[in-house]
Amino acid sequence: MRSSSSRKELTHDRILDVASRAIRRAGYDGVGLATIMKEAGLTHGGFYAHFASRDALLAEATERAGRDTRAVLAERLRQGQTQGLSPFAALVGTYLADEQLGNVECGCVVAALASEIPRQAEEVAGAARARVLGLVELVRRSLPAGTEAQAPLVAAALVGSLQLARTLQGQAGRDLLAQAREHLIRQFGG
């Protein structure tokens, strides 16, 4: 039999899972507490047993989304490297894959929410800035020796390319992703 603290932890985790997908899908302002709790299979009244405020939920959901994305990227980078790709080519190929066009809910939280971050409460914006810095660090570690200083610009190119491709959608979005992949890999090695 599970203890009440482990049940509470499981419930908390379920709420975070739902919220992390919801903020990427609908943005920070598109996330309603009642909707998240309902999607998690809970009543709205139970929210404050898990979070002090809506901002606390959004901050934790942002952190969760970042951890989930980092885990997926790490696994796909590992797979790409076993296929002979450089770490950088594997990162670019994964981040700018065509499947990312429709994968907002499970994709990179930075690409999904970058334009909204400055308008958030400090608790939420701080969690989001940490995700931006984490992405820059991941890029830095994947770049070939001697090019690591370019990591912030490459991260910006990745995020911006994905955002614009999602805006264009369809073939135009896929074409933009292909051009960005080709350019970045050609410039920094693959």
Protein backbone atom coordinates (compact mmCIF):
# COMPACT_ATOMS: atom_id res chain seq x y z
CA MET A 1 0.00 0.00 0.00
CA ARG A 2 1.36 3.42 -0.94
CA SER A 3 1.79 6.05 1.69
CA SER A 4 -0.16 9.27 1.36
CA SER A 5 3.09 11.17 0.66
CA SER A 6 3.92 8.92 -2.29
CA ARG A 7 0.35 9.28 -3.60
CA LYS A 8 0.71 13.04 -3.27
CA GLU A 9 4.04 12.92 -5.13
CA LEU A 10 2.49 10.86 -7.93
CA THR A 11 -0.42 13.28 -8.18
CA HIS A 12 1.96 16.25 -8.15
CA ASP A 13 3.95 14.62 -10.95
CA ARG A 14 0.78 13.97 -12.97
CA ILE A 15 -0.24 17.63 -12.64
CA LEU A 16 3.24 18.73 -13.76
CA ASP A 17 3.15 16.39 -16.74
CA VAL A 18 -0.18 17.81 -17.88
CA ALA A 19 0.90 21.41 -17.22
CA SER A 20 4.26 21.04 -18.98
CA ARG A 21 2.52 19.85 -22.14
CA ALA A 22 -0.21 22.49 -21.78
CA ILE A 23 2.16 25.47 -21.55
CA ARG A 24 3.99 24.33 -24.68
CA ARG A 25 0.70 23.75 -26.51
CA ALA A 26 -1.22 26.87 -25.44
CA GLY A 27 1.34 29.25 -23.93
CA TYR A 28 1.47 30.53 -20.38
CA ASP A 29 -1.68 32.61 -20.71
CA GLY A 30 -3.54 29.75 -22.37
CA VAL A 31 -3.20 27.54 -19.31
CA GLY A 32 -6.14 27.53 -16.93
CA LEU A 33 -5.87 25.82 -13.58
CA ALA A 34 -9.28 24.18 -13.85
CA THR A 35 -8.42 22.74 -17.26
CA ILE A 36 -5.08 21.36 -16.07
CA MET A 37 -6.62 19.79 -12.99
CA LYS A 38 -9.44 18.27 -15.05
CA GLU A 39 -6.98 16.89 -17.62
CA ALA A 40 -4.98 15.41 -14.72
CA GLY A 41 -8.18 13.74 -13.49
CA LEU A 42 -8.47 15.92 -10.40
CA THR A 43 -10.75 18.61 -9.06
CA HIS A 44 -9.79 22.26 -9.12
CA GLY A 45 -10.04 22.38 -5.33
CA GLY A 46 -7.03 20.11 -4.90
CA PHE A 47 -4.65 22.48 -6.67
CA TYR A 48 -3.43 24.33 -3.58
CA ALA A 49 -2.45 21.07 -1.87
CA HIS A 50 0.29 20.89 -4.50
CA PHE A 51 1.23 24.46 -5.47
CA ALA A 52 1.32 27.77 -3.64
CA SER A 53 0.15 29.69 -6.72
CA ARG A 54 -0.42 29.54 -10.45
CA ASP A 55 3.05 31.02 -10.96
CA ALA A 56 4.56 28.25 -8.83
CA LEU A 57 2.86 25.70 -11.09
CA LEU A 58 4.04 27.46 -14.26
CA ALA A 59 7.62 27.67 -12.97
CA GLU A 60 7.68 23.97 -12.06
CA ALA A 61 5.97 23.02 -15.33
CA THR A 62 8.63 24.99 -17.24
CA GLU A 63 11.37 23.15 -15.36
CA ARG A 64 9.65 19.82 -16.03
CA ALA A 65 9.27 20.60 -19.74
CA GLY A 66 12.96 21.45 -19.90
CA ARG A 67 13.97 18.21 -18.18
CA ASP A 68 11.72 16.18 -20.47
CA THR A 69 13.14 17.86 -23.58
CA ARG A 70 16.71 17.43 -22.36
CA ALA A 71 16.10 13.71 -21.78
CA VAL A 72 14.65 13.23 -25.27
CA LEU A 73 17.48 15.21 -26.87
CA ALA A 74 20.11 13.25 -24.93
CA GLU A 75 18.66 9.93 -26.09
CA ARG A 76 18.36 11.05 -29.71
CA LEU A 77 21.88 12.49 -29.61
CA ARG A 78 23.14 9.15 -28.36
CA GLN A 79 21.28 7.37 -31.15
CA GLY A 80 22.63 9.78 -33.77
CA GLN A 81 26.18 9.31 -32.59
CA THR A 82 25.83 5.51 -32.77
CA GLN A 83 24.88 6.08 -36.43
CA GLY A 84 28.13 7.99 -36.98
CA LEU A 85 26.88 11.56 -36.64
CA SER A 86 28.88 14.18 -34.80
CA PRO A 87 27.28 15.44 -31.58
CA PHE A 88 26.48 18.73 -33.32
CA ALA A 89 24.91 17.13 -36.41
CA ALA A 90 22.86 14.86 -34.15
CA LEU A 91 21.65 17.85 -32.11
CA VAL A 92 20.74 19.93 -35.17
CA GLY A 93 19.08 16.98 -36.88
CA THR A 94 17.01 16.23 -33.80
CA TYR A 95 16.09 19.79 -32.85
CA LEU A 96 15.17 20.79 -36.40
CA ALA A 97 13.56 17.51 -37.45
CA ASP A 98 10.40 17.80 -39.53
CA GLU A 99 8.45 16.04 -36.77
CA GLN A 100 9.03 19.11 -34.57
CA LEU A 101 6.61 21.13 -36.67
CA GLY A 102 3.62 19.44 -35.07
CA ASN A 103 5.28 18.43 -31.82
CA VAL A 104 4.81 21.65 -29.88
CA GLU A 105 3.28 19.90 -26.88
CA CYS A 106 6.31 17.67 -26.37
CA GLY A 107 8.96 19.83 -28.04
CA CYS A 108 11.40 22.38 -26.70
CA VAL A 109 9.87 24.68 -24.10
CA VAL A 110 12.22 27.50 -25.17
CA ALA A 111 10.97 27.43 -28.76
CA ALA A 112 7.37 27.15 -27.61
CA LEU A 113 7.48 30.03 -25.13
CA ALA A 114 10.46 32.31 -25.85
CA SER A 115 8.39 35.35 -26.81
CA GLU A 116 6.23 35.03 -23.68
CA ILE A 117 9.02 34.73 -21.11
CA PRO A 118 9.72 38.46 -20.59
CA ARG A 119 6.06 39.09 -19.69
CA GLN A 120 5.94 36.49 -16.91
CA ALA A 121 6.31 36.90 -13.17
CA GLU A 122 9.92 36.55 -12.04
CA GLU A 123 9.34 33.06 -10.64
CA VAL A 124 8.22 31.81 -14.06
CA ALA A 125 10.67 33.91 -16.09
CA GLY A 126 13.57 32.72 -13.93
CA ALA A 127 12.67 29.08 -14.55
CA ALA A 128 12.39 29.79 -18.27
CA ARG A 129 15.72 31.64 -18.40
CA ALA A 130 17.33 28.60 -16.79
CA ARG A 131 15.95 26.50 -19.65
CA VAL A 132 17.42 28.96 -22.19
CA LEU A 133 20.81 28.74 -20.50
CA GLY A 134 20.52 24.95 -20.44
CA LEU A 135 19.89 24.89 -24.18
CA VAL A 136 22.89 27.15 -24.80
CA GLU A 137 25.04 24.83 -22.68
CA LEU A 138 23.81 21.75 -24.57
CA VAL A 139 24.72 23.47 -27.84
CA ARG A 140 28.11 24.50 -26.42
CA ARG A 141 28.91 20.89 -25.48
CA SER A 142 27.94 19.63 -28.94
CA LEU A 143 29.90 22.18 -30.98
CA PRO A 144 33.30 21.23 -32.40
CA ALA A 145 36.35 22.40 -30.45
CA GLY A 146 37.16 26.04 -31.04
CA THR A 147 33.59 27.06 -31.91
CA GLU A 148 32.02 26.84 -28.44
CA ALA A 149 31.79 30.65 -28.15
CA GLN A 150 29.17 30.53 -30.92
CA ALA A 151 26.76 28.54 -28.74
CA PRO A 152 24.37 31.42 -27.92
CA LEU A 153 24.05 32.34 -31.60
CA VAL A 154 23.57 28.73 -32.67
CA ALA A 155 20.93 28.22 -29.96
CA ALA A 156 19.16 31.35 -31.21
CA ALA A 157 19.30 30.01 -34.78
CA LEU A 158 17.83 26.68 -33.67
CA VAL A 159 14.99 28.26 -31.69
CA GLY A 160 14.23 30.91 -34.30
CA SER A 161 14.28 28.41 -37.16
CA LEU A 162 11.87 26.13 -35.36
CA GLN A 163 9.55 29.00 -34.45
CA LEU A 164 9.46 30.34 -38.01
CA ALA A 165 8.97 26.86 -39.49
CA ARG A 166 6.03 26.28 -37.14
CA THR A 167 4.58 29.60 -38.26
CA LEU A 168 4.95 28.72 -41.95
CA GLN A 169 3.77 25.11 -41.48
CA GLY A 170 3.52 22.50 -44.24
CA GLN A 171 6.09 22.29 -47.00
CA ALA A 172 7.33 25.85 -46.42
CA GLY A 173 8.08 24.97 -42.79
CA ARG A 174 9.83 21.73 -43.76
CA ASP A 175 11.88 23.60 -46.37
CA LEU A 176 12.97 26.18 -43.80
CA LEU A 177 14.01 23.42 -41.37
CA ALA A 178 15.98 21.64 -44.10
CA GLN A 179 17.79 24.85 -45.06
CA ALA A 180 18.60 25.64 -41.43
CA ARG A 181 19.88 22.09 -40.79
CA GLU A 182 22.05 22.16 -43.90
CA HIS A 183 23.47 25.60 -43.16
CA LEU A 184 24.28 24.94 -39.51
CA ILE A 185 25.86 21.55 -40.16
CA ARG A 186 27.87 22.93 -43.08
CA GLN A 187 29.05 25.89 -40.99
CA PHE A 188 29.96 23.96 -37.83
CA GLY A 189 30.67 20.47 -39.11
CA GLY A 190 28.69 17.31 -39.17
